Amino acid sequence: MKQILIIALVSAVALVLGFGVYACSTFGSGTPLEYGTNTITVKKGADFQAALDSAKPGDTIVLEAGSTFRGAFKLPNKPGGEFITIRTSAPDSQLPPADTRLVPSKYHSVLPKLESDVKGEPTILAVDRAHHFRFIGVEFGPTIEGMYDIIKLGTGQEKSVEDLPHHIEFDRVYIHGSPTEGQRRGIAANGRNIKITNSYISDIKRKGDESQGIAVWATDGPIEIVNNYIEGAAENILFGGAESYLKLVPTDCIVRSNHLNKPPEWKGTDWVVKNIFEIKNGKRIKVENNLMTNNWGMAQDGMAILFTTRADNGDATIIDEIEFTGNIVRGSGGGLNILGSEGSGGHRLIIRNNIFDDIDGKKWNSAGHFMKSTDWDGLTIENNTIIQTGNIANAYGNPIKNFIFRNNIVFENEYGIKGDNMGSGQQVIAKFFSGGSVTGNIIISGNSTLYKEPNVFLNSLNLVGFEDIANGEYRLKSKSPYLKAGFAGKRIGADLNTKLVGGK
């Protein structure tokens, strides 16, 4: 009898708070949802924060599909290591399948919406060691006036790494700013074991200010950003760029199979545009199989990809062991900006098997150069196909040490490899690239007398033998005479199935 009274009392309290507690639940006629020990159902108008506070590890909080819940919600620190799942009440059959990107136009009606109602506060805040929360099939709207972060994980002021939030995941969620006011940032992902997958992040843009779809700076990782669509005006994804009390370096991070995009209709507006992807501080980061589209000169010079150390964290700042592979960068005023002169410098960067297409200075309000570079130790650029209107490289300042540029397809254009206050070609390689190796490349309209190592010089891109140059298919045909014209008889150019790049 005593046990029955306790259960009845708990149920009554739950009803007063506006949510019910169930051992398991099935919604509609769909497949039963995979819930944990208990299910807490939060209906329209009920208290989501109370559900967060009462949930136990392993529980599932079900938000009524299509309803809006307003508040500045804080994820509490709970004991245990099981995930608390927050998800839509719609059955799995009404969501995209697992490992499939959510498209808001198809699924918007079944997503519950969370939105901050406190000016200057995020919709979701995770601090003070909050951990093991997973969001599935939820929409996150803009903050008031688009200020600061929609989702804020960590503060940057933690006094020990144990204070960082950790094991927080977002799967098939929709995060967006206001079409008219924009949003400063989608997610500030300053925690450990953070995963952002299969999601859609849009309208992250600001006037007179920077904005990022996802920014990571005050954590030592790991972070996974996989199979998302992400819009961000200043940077779609940024690692580093701000100080943290602990001087942490984002480490062991993966950015894979995402589509990073700036909508062309932003061009000519006041939204502050800089670049698509940037690392200012990071170690052991893999950037692979991403589609990166549309970037132009505005607040900066239009380079799409930046690896530039910025000493916000003093000597702790470093860029090291970075792999940029299997990506397509299409539609930009420039390709790469590489600078390792601040903090503890830049080291061991690999740019391999990528397509840089439509790198056009006139079209995208810049110079159209593939690369500008200074002060780096360990830079390998190989097996890339580069369709650019400007120089191969503009080098300045301190040299690039341990430089390899081989098995690429690229245009010479006006100056090829150009040095600051000097000519181009081998003399620049000797001075600004520490005598590095430039060999096994196809250089369109290049001058063989400018290079001491063997390369292939053709007058037209059409002579290379691509599969379908008109449609951007830059794989070499099996019958191309240059298929294995690279260094040591290896394949030349990128070898990508463009239909598989950028996720799904």
Protein backbone atom coordinates (compact mmCIF):
# COMPACT_ATOMS: atom_id res chain seq x y z
CA MET A 1 0.00 0.00 0.00
CA LYS A 2 2.81 2.40 0.88
CA GLN A 3 4.50 1.76 -2.48
CA ILE A 4 1.22 2.41 -4.33
CA LEU A 5 0.76 5.73 -2.51
CA ILE A 6 4.29 6.83 -3.47
CA ILE A 7 3.67 6.02 -7.16
CA ALA A 8 0.38 7.89 -7.09
CA LEU A 9 2.05 10.92 -5.50
CA VAL A 10 4.80 10.99 -8.15
CA SER A 11 2.20 10.75 -10.91
CA ALA A 12 0.19 13.62 -9.41
CA VAL A 13 3.25 15.84 -9.22
CA ALA A 14 4.06 15.02 -12.84
CA LEU A 15 0.58 16.04 -13.94
CA VAL A 16 0.85 19.37 -12.10
CA LEU A 17 4.15 20.08 -13.85
CA GLY A 18 2.55 19.36 -17.20
CA PHE A 19 4.20 16.12 -18.24
CA GLY A 20 3.45 12.47 -17.79
CA VAL A 21 5.80 9.59 -16.98
CA TYR A 22 5.46 6.30 -18.81
CA ALA A 23 7.50 3.10 -18.96
CA CYS A 24 7.20 3.10 -22.77
CA SER A 25 5.04 4.78 -25.41
CA THR A 26 3.79 4.35 -28.96
CA PHE A 27 2.51 7.35 -30.92
CA GLY A 28 -0.05 7.05 -33.70
CA SER A 29 0.20 3.97 -35.88
CA GLY A 30 3.95 4.20 -36.44
CA THR A 31 6.69 1.93 -35.19
CA PRO A 32 7.22 2.07 -31.42
CA LEU A 33 9.92 4.57 -30.52
CA GLU A 34 13.14 3.37 -28.97
CA TYR A 35 12.99 4.87 -25.52
CA GLY A 36 14.95 4.34 -22.37
CA THR A 37 13.73 3.39 -18.92
CA ASN A 38 11.05 6.09 -18.71
CA THR A 39 9.33 8.44 -21.13
CA ILE A 40 8.42 11.98 -20.13
CA THR A 41 5.84 13.49 -22.48
CA VAL A 42 5.82 17.28 -22.70
CA LYS A 43 2.71 18.62 -24.37
CA LYS A 44 2.12 22.08 -25.80
CA GLY A 45 2.25 24.74 -23.08
CA ALA A 46 3.96 22.44 -20.55
CA ASP A 47 7.27 23.03 -18.77
CA PHE A 48 10.23 21.64 -20.74
CA GLN A 49 12.76 22.81 -18.13
CA ALA A 50 10.91 20.85 -15.45
CA ALA A 51 11.18 17.78 -17.65
CA LEU A 52 14.92 18.32 -18.06
CA ASP A 53 15.34 18.73 -14.33
CA SER A 54 13.35 15.62 -13.45
CA ALA A 55 14.72 13.28 -16.14
CA LYS A 56 17.12 10.54 -15.13
CA PRO A 57 19.92 9.00 -17.22
CA GLY A 58 18.36 6.67 -19.79
CA ASP A 59 15.04 8.57 -19.90
CA THR A 60 13.44 10.00 -23.05
CA ILE A 61 11.73 13.40 -23.12
CA VAL A 62 9.13 13.52 -25.88
CA LEU A 63 8.10 16.98 -27.09
CA GLU A 64 4.77 17.32 -28.83
CA ALA A 65 5.35 17.50 -32.59
CA GLY A 66 4.65 20.91 -34.12
CA SER A 67 4.48 22.71 -30.76
CA THR A 68 6.71 25.61 -29.68
CA PHE A 69 8.40 25.71 -26.27
CA ARG A 70 9.89 29.06 -25.30
CA GLY A 71 12.56 29.56 -22.67
CA ALA A 72 16.25 29.82 -21.95
CA PHE A 73 16.75 26.14 -21.19
CA LYS A 74 19.69 24.78 -19.21
CA LEU A 75 20.88 21.20 -19.38
CA PRO A 76 21.44 19.99 -15.81
CA ASN A 77 24.37 17.90 -14.62
CA LYS A 78 23.08 14.40 -13.86
CA PRO A 79 24.89 11.41 -12.39
CA GLY A 80 25.46 8.37 -14.56
CA GLY A 81 26.57 7.76 -18.13
CA GLU A 82 23.35 7.00 -20.03
CA PHE A 83 21.93 9.49 -22.51
CA ILE A 84 18.81 11.49 -21.83
CA THR A 85 17.12 11.77 -25.21
CA ILE A 86 14.99 14.77 -26.22
CA ARG A 87 12.96 14.13 -29.33
CA THR A 88 9.81 14.74 -31.29
CA SER A 89 6.63 12.80 -30.49
CA ALA A 90 6.37 11.90 -34.17
CA PRO A 91 7.26 8.26 -34.81
CA ASP A 92 10.54 7.33 -36.48
CA SER A 93 8.63 6.61 -39.69
CA GLN A 94 7.93 10.37 -39.98
CA LEU A 95 11.60 11.34 -39.63
CA PRO A 96 14.46 10.79 -42.08
CA PRO A 97 16.06 7.36 -41.69
CA ALA A 98 19.14 7.12 -39.49
CA ASP A 99 22.27 8.64 -41.05
CA THR A 100 20.16 10.71 -43.45
CA ARG A 101 20.21 14.49 -43.41
CA LEU A 102 17.04 16.27 -42.30
CA VAL A 103 15.47 18.57 -44.89
CA PRO A 104 13.21 21.13 -43.16
CA SER A 105 10.84 21.54 -46.10
CA LYS A 106 9.91 17.85 -45.81
CA TYR A 107 9.86 17.41 -42.04
CA HIS A 108 9.16 20.81 -40.52
CA SER A 109 5.59 19.96 -39.47
CA VAL A 110 6.68 17.09 -37.20
CA LEU A 111 9.41 18.99 -35.36
CA PRO A 112 8.78 20.55 -31.94
CA LYS A 113 10.39 23.99 -31.77
CA LEU A 114 12.58 25.38 -28.99
CA GLU A 115 13.14 29.12 -28.90
CA SER A 116 14.75 31.45 -26.36
CA ASP A 117 12.48 34.05 -24.76
CA VAL A 118 15.23 35.87 -22.83
CA LYS A 119 17.20 38.55 -24.66
CA GLY A 120 20.87 37.69 -24.89
CA GLU A 121 20.39 34.11 -23.70
CA PRO A 122 20.73 30.94 -25.77
CA THR A 123 17.92 28.49 -26.30
CA ILE A 124 20.07 25.66 -24.94
CA LEU A 125 22.87 26.20 -22.42
CA ALA A 126 25.15 23.38 -21.29
CA VAL A 127 27.67 24.30 -18.57
CA ASP A 128 28.86 23.01 -15.19
CA ARG A 129 29.70 19.48 -16.43
CA ALA A 130 26.30 18.84 -18.03
CA HIS A 131 26.56 15.64 -20.04
CA HIS A 132 24.85 12.84 -21.94
CA PHE A 133 22.03 14.64 -23.70
CA ARG A 134 20.89 13.73 -27.22
CA PHE A 135 18.45 15.76 -29.36
CA ILE A 136 16.62 14.05 -32.23
CA GLY A 137 14.09 15.64 -34.60
CA VAL A 138 13.92 19.04 -32.87
CA GLU A 139 13.88 22.56 -34.32
CA PHE A 140 15.84 25.42 -32.71
CA GLY A 141 14.72 28.91 -33.69
CA PRO A 142 16.66 32.20 -33.55
CA THR A 143 17.43 34.02 -30.34
CA ILE A 144 15.89 37.44 -29.71
CA GLU A 145 17.35 39.86 -32.30
CA GLY A 146 19.69 37.06 -33.41
CA MET A 147 22.08 37.77 -30.53
CA TYR A 148 24.89 35.38 -29.59
CA ASP A 149 24.38 31.59 -29.73
CA ILE A 150 21.29 29.51 -30.32
CA ILE A 151 23.03 26.57 -28.64
CA LYS A 152 25.85 27.30 -26.22
CA LEU A 153 27.99 24.44 -24.95
CA GLY A 154 30.61 25.66 -22.49
CA THR A 155 31.68 29.21 -21.69
CA GLY A 156 35.43 29.33 -22.31
CA GLN A 157 35.92 30.27 -18.67
CA GLU A 158 35.99 26.76 -17.18
CA LYS A 159 38.80 26.33 -14.65
CA SER A 160 39.42 22.64 -15.42
CA VAL A 161 38.69 20.35 -18.33
CA GLU A 162 36.44 18.32 -16.04
CA ASP A 163 34.10 21.34 -15.92
CA LEU A 164 33.42 21.15 -19.66
CA PRO A 165 30.07 19.82 -20.85
CA HIS A 166 30.49 16.51 -22.61
CA HIS A 167 28.70 13.79 -24.58
CA ILE A 168 26.06 16.05 -26.13
CA GLU A 169 24.63 15.10 -29.50
CA PHE A 170 22.37 16.65 -32.13
CA ASP A 171 20.93 14.29 -34.73
CA ARG A 172 18.48 15.30 -37.49
CA VAL A 173 17.78 18.70 -35.99
CA TYR A 174 16.96 22.03 -37.65
CA ILE A 175 18.78 25.13 -36.37
CA HIS A 176 18.15 28.48 -38.01
CA GLY A 177 18.42 32.21 -37.64
CA SER A 178 15.90 34.84 -38.66
CA PRO A 179 15.63 35.57 -42.40
CA THR A 180 15.63 39.31 -41.63
CA GLU A 181 17.80 39.64 -38.49
CA GLY A 182 20.04 36.64 -38.98
CA GLN A 183 21.89 35.02 -36.09
CA ARG A 184 25.35 35.41 -34.54
CA ARG A 185 26.04 31.71 -34.19
CA GLY A 186 24.24 28.39 -34.53
CA ILE A 187 26.28 26.25 -32.14
CA ALA A 188 29.19 27.18 -29.88
CA ALA A 189 30.52 23.63 -29.50
CA ASN A 190 32.93 24.03 -26.59
CA GLY A 191 32.64 20.65 -24.97
CA ARG A 192 34.07 17.16 -25.15
CA ASN A 193 32.59 14.36 -27.25
CA ILE A 194 30.18 16.63 -29.09
CA LYS A 195 28.40 15.25 -32.17
CA ILE A 196 26.42 17.24 -34.72
CA THR A 197 25.05 14.93 -37.40
CA ASN A 198 22.44 14.73 -40.18
CA SER A 199 21.19 18.24 -39.41
CA TYR A 200 20.31 21.49 -41.19
CA ILE A 201 21.71 24.84 -40.04
CA SER A 202 20.66 27.93 -41.98
CA ASP A 203 20.38 31.74 -41.94
CA ILE A 204 23.39 32.19 -39.68
CA LYS A 205 24.38 35.69 -40.79
CA ARG A 206 24.90 39.15 -39.31
CA LYS A 207 25.25 42.73 -40.44
CA GLY A 208 28.35 44.46 -39.10
CA ASP A 209 29.42 41.38 -37.17
CA GLU A 210 30.87 37.91 -37.70
CA SER A 211 28.72 34.80 -37.69
CA GLN A 212 29.39 31.07 -37.68
CA GLY A 213 27.22 28.06 -38.30
CA ILE A 214 29.41 26.11 -35.86
CA ALA A 215 32.35 27.51 -33.87
CA VAL A 216 34.76 25.54 -31.67
CA TRP A 217 37.48 27.23 -29.60
CA ALA A 218 37.43 26.39 -25.88
CA THR A 219 37.75 22.61 -25.82
CA ASP A 220 40.32 19.90 -26.43
CA GLY A 221 37.73 17.81 -28.29
CA PRO A 222 36.83 15.48 -29.74
CA ILE A 223 34.15 17.00 -31.98
CA GLU A 224 32.29 15.28 -34.84
CA ILE A 225 30.48 17.33 -37.49
CA VAL A 226 29.11 14.83 -40.01
CA ASN A 227 26.54 14.94 -42.83
CA ASN A 228 25.04 18.36 -42.18
CA TYR A 229 23.95 21.28 -44.33
CA ILE A 230 25.45 24.43 -42.80
CA GLU A 231 25.11 28.11 -43.74
CA GLY A 232 27.31 30.72 -42.10
CA ALA A 233 28.14 34.14 -43.52
CA ALA A 234 31.53 34.85 -41.93
CA GLU A 235 32.53 31.21 -41.48
CA ASN A 236 30.39 28.15 -41.98
CA ILE A 237 32.69 26.28 -39.57
CA LEU A 238 35.45 27.85 -37.44
CA PHE A 239 38.01 26.25 -35.14
CA GLY A 240 39.81 28.69 -32.82
CA GLY A 241 39.66 32.45 -33.06
CA ALA A 242 38.93 33.27 -29.41
CA GLU A 243 40.71 32.82 -26.11
CA SER A 244 39.84 30.34 -23.40
CA TYR A 245 40.91 30.33 -19.78
CA LEU A 246 42.42 26.85 -20.12
CA LYS A 247 44.25 27.68 -23.41
CA LEU A 248 42.80 24.57 -25.01
CA VAL A 249 43.47 23.32 -28.55
CA PRO A 250 40.54 21.65 -30.37
CA THR A 251 41.92 18.17 -31.01
CA ASP A 252 40.84 14.93 -32.70
CA CYS A 253 37.97 16.48 -34.63
CA ILE A 254 36.20 15.24 -37.75
CA VAL A 255 34.38 17.36 -40.35
CA ARG A 256 32.98 14.89 -42.86
CA SER A 257 30.37 14.74 -45.63
CA ASN A 258 28.83 18.15 -44.99
CA HIS A 259 27.53 20.73 -47.45
CA LEU A 260 28.86 24.14 -46.39
CA ASN A 261 27.13 26.84 -48.37
CA LYS A 262 26.54 30.57 -48.61
CA PRO A 263 23.32 31.20 -50.56
CA PRO A 264 24.11 33.27 -53.68
CA GLU A 265 21.28 35.66 -52.80
CA TRP A 266 23.43 36.91 -49.89
CA LYS A 267 25.84 38.39 -52.43
CA GLY A 268 25.44 42.15 -52.66
CA THR A 269 23.77 42.40 -49.23
CA ASP A 270 25.12 43.63 -45.89
CA TRP A 271 25.61 40.15 -44.41
CA VAL A 272 29.31 40.00 -43.47
CA VAL A 273 30.98 37.33 -45.63
CA LYS A 274 34.54 36.06 -45.05
CA ASN A 275 35.26 32.40 -45.86
CA ILE A 276 33.77 28.92 -45.79
CA PHE A 277 36.03 26.94 -43.46
CA GLU A 278 38.80 28.13 -41.14
CA ILE A 279 41.15 26.68 -38.56
CA LYS A 280 42.93 29.23 -36.35
CA ASN A 281 43.77 26.75 -33.62
CA GLY A 282 43.51 22.98 -33.89
CA LYS A 283 45.31 19.67 -33.92
CA ARG A 284 44.57 16.34 -35.59
CA ILE A 285 41.55 17.58 -37.51
CA LYS A 286 40.30 15.66 -40.54
CA VAL A 287 38.23 17.55 -43.11
CA GLU A 288 37.00 15.08 -45.71
CA ASN A 289 34.32 14.51 -48.34
CA ASN A 290 32.70 17.94 -47.90
CA LEU A 291 31.05 20.11 -50.55
CA MET A 292 31.89 23.78 -50.00
CA THR A 293 30.08 26.28 -52.21
CA ASN A 294 29.91 30.03 -52.82
CA ASN A 295 32.30 32.51 -51.24
CA TRP A 296 33.22 35.99 -52.34
CA GLY A 297 35.36 38.96 -51.44
CA MET A 298 33.63 41.25 -48.95
CA ALA A 299 34.90 41.56 -45.36
CA GLN A 300 38.02 39.64 -46.48
CA ASP A 301 39.62 38.84 -49.82
CA GLY A 302 37.41 35.92 -50.78
CA MET A 303 39.68 32.95 -49.99
CA ALA A 304 37.47 29.93 -49.28
CA ILE A 305 39.66 27.91 -46.90
CA LEU A 306 41.93 29.39 -44.21
CA PHE A 307 44.59 27.73 -42.09
CA THR A 308 45.85 30.76 -40.19
CA THR A 309 47.21 30.67 -36.64
CA ARG A 310 45.86 33.52 -34.53
CA ALA A 311 47.42 33.89 -31.10
CA ASP A 312 44.23 34.42 -29.10
CA ASN A 313 45.57 31.75 -26.73
CA GLY A 314 49.20 32.90 -26.89
CA ASP A 315 51.81 30.19 -27.36
CA ALA A 316 49.16 27.51 -26.85
CA THR A 317 47.78 28.38 -30.28
CA ILE A 318 48.88 25.88 -32.93
CA ILE A 319 47.73 24.27 -36.15
CA ASP A 320 49.17 20.78 -36.55
CA GLU A 321 48.38 17.45 -38.23
CA ILE A 322 45.53 18.66 -40.42
CA GLU A 323 44.20 16.59 -43.33
CA PHE A 324 42.01 18.27 -45.96
CA THR A 325 41.06 15.46 -48.35
CA GLY A 326 38.36 14.46 -50.82
CA ASN A 327 36.53 17.80 -50.77
CA ILE A 328 35.00 19.93 -53.50
CA VAL A 329 35.43 23.71 -53.16
CA ARG A 330 33.29 25.32 -55.85
CA GLY A 331 32.58 28.98 -56.54
CA SER A 332 35.01 31.26 -54.69
CA GLY A 333 37.22 34.28 -55.16
CA GLY A 334 40.25 32.24 -54.02
CA GLY A 335 41.28 28.84 -52.72
CA LEU A 336 43.63 28.63 -49.73
CA ASN A 337 45.12 31.11 -47.27
CA ILE A 338 47.97 29.54 -45.27
CA LEU A 339 49.65 31.50 -42.48
CA GLY A 340 51.52 30.04 -39.52
CA SER A 341 53.33 33.01 -38.05
CA GLU A 342 51.47 33.39 -34.73
CA GLY A 343 51.42 31.35 -31.54
CA SER A 344 53.33 28.09 -31.93
CA GLY A 345 52.87 28.18 -35.68
CA GLY A 346 51.52 25.97 -38.41
CA HIS A 347 52.76 22.44 -39.03
CA ARG A 348 52.01 19.30 -41.05
CA LEU A 349 49.12 20.25 -43.34
CA ILE A 350 48.01 17.91 -46.12
CA ILE A 351 45.79 19.10 -49.00
CA ARG A 352 45.08 15.95 -51.03
CA ASN A 353 42.61 14.70 -53.63
CA ASN A 354 40.35 17.77 -53.75
CA ILE A 355 38.63 19.66 -56.56
CA PHE A 356 38.86 23.44 -56.51
CA ASP A 357 36.43 24.53 -59.22
CA ASP A 358 35.23 27.95 -60.37
CA ILE A 359 37.93 29.79 -58.42
CA ASP A 360 37.23 32.95 -60.37
CA GLY A 361 38.37 36.38 -59.23
CA LYS A 362 36.15 38.43 -61.51
CA LYS A 363 33.01 36.41 -60.82
CA TRP A 364 33.54 36.24 -57.05
CA ASN A 365 35.01 39.72 -56.40
CA SER A 366 38.60 38.74 -55.70
CA ALA A 367 41.86 37.79 -57.46
CA GLY A 368 41.16 34.13 -58.25
CA HIS A 369 44.46 32.83 -56.81
CA PHE A 370 44.64 29.21 -55.68
CA MET A 371 46.85 29.96 -52.68
CA LYS A 372 48.56 32.65 -50.71
CA SER A 373 51.06 31.49 -48.11
CA THR A 374 53.68 32.35 -45.53
CA ASP A 375 55.56 30.81 -42.61
CA TRP A 376 54.63 27.13 -42.37
CA ASP A 377 56.46 23.89 -41.61
CA GLY A 378 55.24 20.86 -43.54
CA LEU A 379 52.82 21.53 -46.40
CA THR A 380 51.89 18.83 -48.90
CA ILE A 381 49.54 19.65 -51.79
CA GLU A 382 49.00 16.68 -54.06
CA ASN A 383 46.49 15.09 -56.42
CA ASN A 384 44.21 18.12 -56.59
CA THR A 385 42.39 19.44 -59.64
CA ILE A 386 42.41 23.24 -59.55
CA ILE A 387 40.38 25.37 -61.97
CA GLN A 388 41.41 28.93 -61.12
CA THR A 389 41.78 32.26 -62.92
CA GLY A 390 44.65 33.71 -60.84
CA ASN A 391 48.12 32.55 -59.85
CA ILE A 392 48.99 29.15 -58.43
CA ALA A 393 50.50 30.79 -55.36
CA ASN A 394 51.31 34.21 -53.96
CA ALA A 395 54.12 33.79 -51.41
CA TYR A 396 55.39 36.39 -48.95
CA GLY A 397 57.18 36.77 -45.62
CA ASN A 398 58.89 33.75 -44.07
CA PRO A 399 59.21 30.63 -46.22
CA ILE A 400 57.16 27.46 -46.30
CA LYS A 401 59.45 24.65 -45.14
CA ASN A 402 59.11 21.01 -46.21
CA PHE A 403 56.92 21.95 -49.17
CA ILE A 404 55.61 19.42 -51.72
CA PHE A 405 53.40 20.35 -54.68
CA ARG A 406 52.94 17.32 -56.92
CA ASN A 407 50.49 15.39 -59.10
CA ASN A 408 48.10 18.35 -59.35
CA ILE A 409 46.29 19.80 -62.35
CA VAL A 410 46.43 23.59 -62.25
CA PHE A 411 46.60 26.73 -64.42
CA GLU A 412 49.74 28.86 -64.64
CA ASN A 413 47.77 31.99 -65.59
CA GLU A 414 49.66 35.29 -65.24
CA TYR A 415 52.47 34.47 -62.83
CA GLY A 416 52.12 30.85 -61.68
CA ILE A 417 54.10 30.59 -58.42
CA LYS A 418 54.71 34.24 -57.57
CA GLY A 419 56.89 35.75 -54.86
CA ASP A 420 56.45 39.05 -53.08
CA ASN A 421 58.57 41.74 -54.81
CA MET A 422 60.09 39.25 -57.23
CA GLY A 423 59.20 37.21 -60.29
CA SER A 424 57.86 33.70 -60.50
CA GLY A 425 58.93 30.10 -60.94
CA GLN A 426 62.02 28.39 -59.57
CA GLN A 427 63.53 31.46 -57.90
CA VAL A 428 60.34 31.85 -55.85
CA ILE A 429 60.32 28.14 -54.98
CA ALA A 430 63.90 28.45 -53.76
CA LYS A 431 63.24 31.50 -51.57
CA PHE A 432 59.67 31.26 -50.34
CA PHE A 433 59.25 27.48 -50.32
CA SER A 434 62.73 26.56 -49.01
CA GLY A 435 63.62 24.78 -52.22
CA GLY A 436 60.60 22.51 -51.98
CA SER A 437 59.46 20.09 -54.67
CA VAL A 438 57.13 21.07 -57.52
CA THR A 439 56.88 18.06 -59.78
CA GLY A 440 54.56 15.66 -61.60
CA ASN A 441 51.92 18.34 -62.16
CA ILE A 442 49.95 19.23 -65.27
CA ILE A 443 50.35 22.98 -65.58
CA ILE A 444 48.03 24.50 -68.16
CA SER A 445 49.74 27.20 -70.27
CA GLY A 446 52.82 26.96 -68.08
CA ASN A 447 56.42 27.71 -69.02
CA SER A 448 58.74 24.72 -68.59
CA THR A 449 61.79 26.98 -68.21
CA LEU A 450 60.45 28.25 -64.89
CA TYR A 451 60.64 24.84 -63.19
CA LYS A 452 63.67 22.62 -62.65
CA GLU A 453 61.71 19.44 -61.93
CA PRO A 454 59.65 17.56 -64.52
CA ASN A 455 56.04 18.61 -65.04
CA VAL A 456 53.60 18.30 -67.94
CA PHE A 457 52.78 21.52 -69.79
CA LEU A 458 49.61 21.66 -71.91
CA ASN A 459 47.98 24.52 -73.79
CA SER A 460 44.40 23.63 -72.90
CA LEU A 461 42.44 21.89 -70.17
CA ASN A 462 40.59 19.98 -72.86
CA LEU A 463 43.79 18.05 -73.64
CA VAL A 464 43.92 16.47 -70.18
CA GLY A 465 41.18 13.90 -70.90
CA PHE A 466 38.54 14.42 -68.22
CA GLU A 467 35.41 12.28 -68.05
CA ASP A 468 32.92 15.16 -68.42
CA ILE A 469 34.50 18.58 -68.13
CA ALA A 470 31.29 20.41 -69.08
CA ASN A 471 29.53 19.04 -65.98
CA GLY A 472 32.42 19.35 -63.56
CA GLU A 473 33.42 15.68 -63.66
CA TYR A 474 37.17 16.07 -63.40
CA ARG A 475 38.20 12.44 -63.11
CA LEU A 476 40.62 11.42 -65.83
CA LYS A 477 39.35 8.91 -68.35
CA SER A 478 40.98 5.52 -68.26
CA LYS A 479 42.35 6.25 -71.73
CA SER A 480 43.78 9.65 -70.84
CA PRO A 481 47.49 9.74 -71.77
CA TYR A 482 48.13 11.61 -68.50
CA LEU A 483 46.31 9.27 -66.13
CA LYS A 484 49.58 8.19 -64.52
CA ALA A 485 51.77 11.09 -65.56
CA GLY A 486 52.38 12.12 -61.97
CA PHE A 487 55.47 11.79 -59.82
CA ALA A 488 56.82 8.21 -59.84
CA GLY A 489 54.18 7.21 -62.40
CA LYS A 490 51.29 7.81 -60.00
CA ARG A 491 47.81 9.09 -60.77
CA ILE A 492 47.51 12.78 -61.47
CA GLY A 493 44.71 15.10 -60.37
CA ALA A 494 41.77 14.36 -58.07
CA ASP A 495 39.98 11.01 -58.17
CA LEU A 496 36.52 11.79 -56.82
CA ASN A 497 32.99 10.63 -57.52
CA THR A 498 31.43 14.07 -57.26
CA LYS A 499 27.94 12.63 -56.67
CA LEU A 500 29.10 11.19 -53.34
CA VAL A 501 30.82 14.32 -52.00
CA GLY A 502 28.91 16.38 -49.46
CA GLY A 503 26.80 13.70 -47.81
CA LYS A 504 23.11 13.02 -48.25
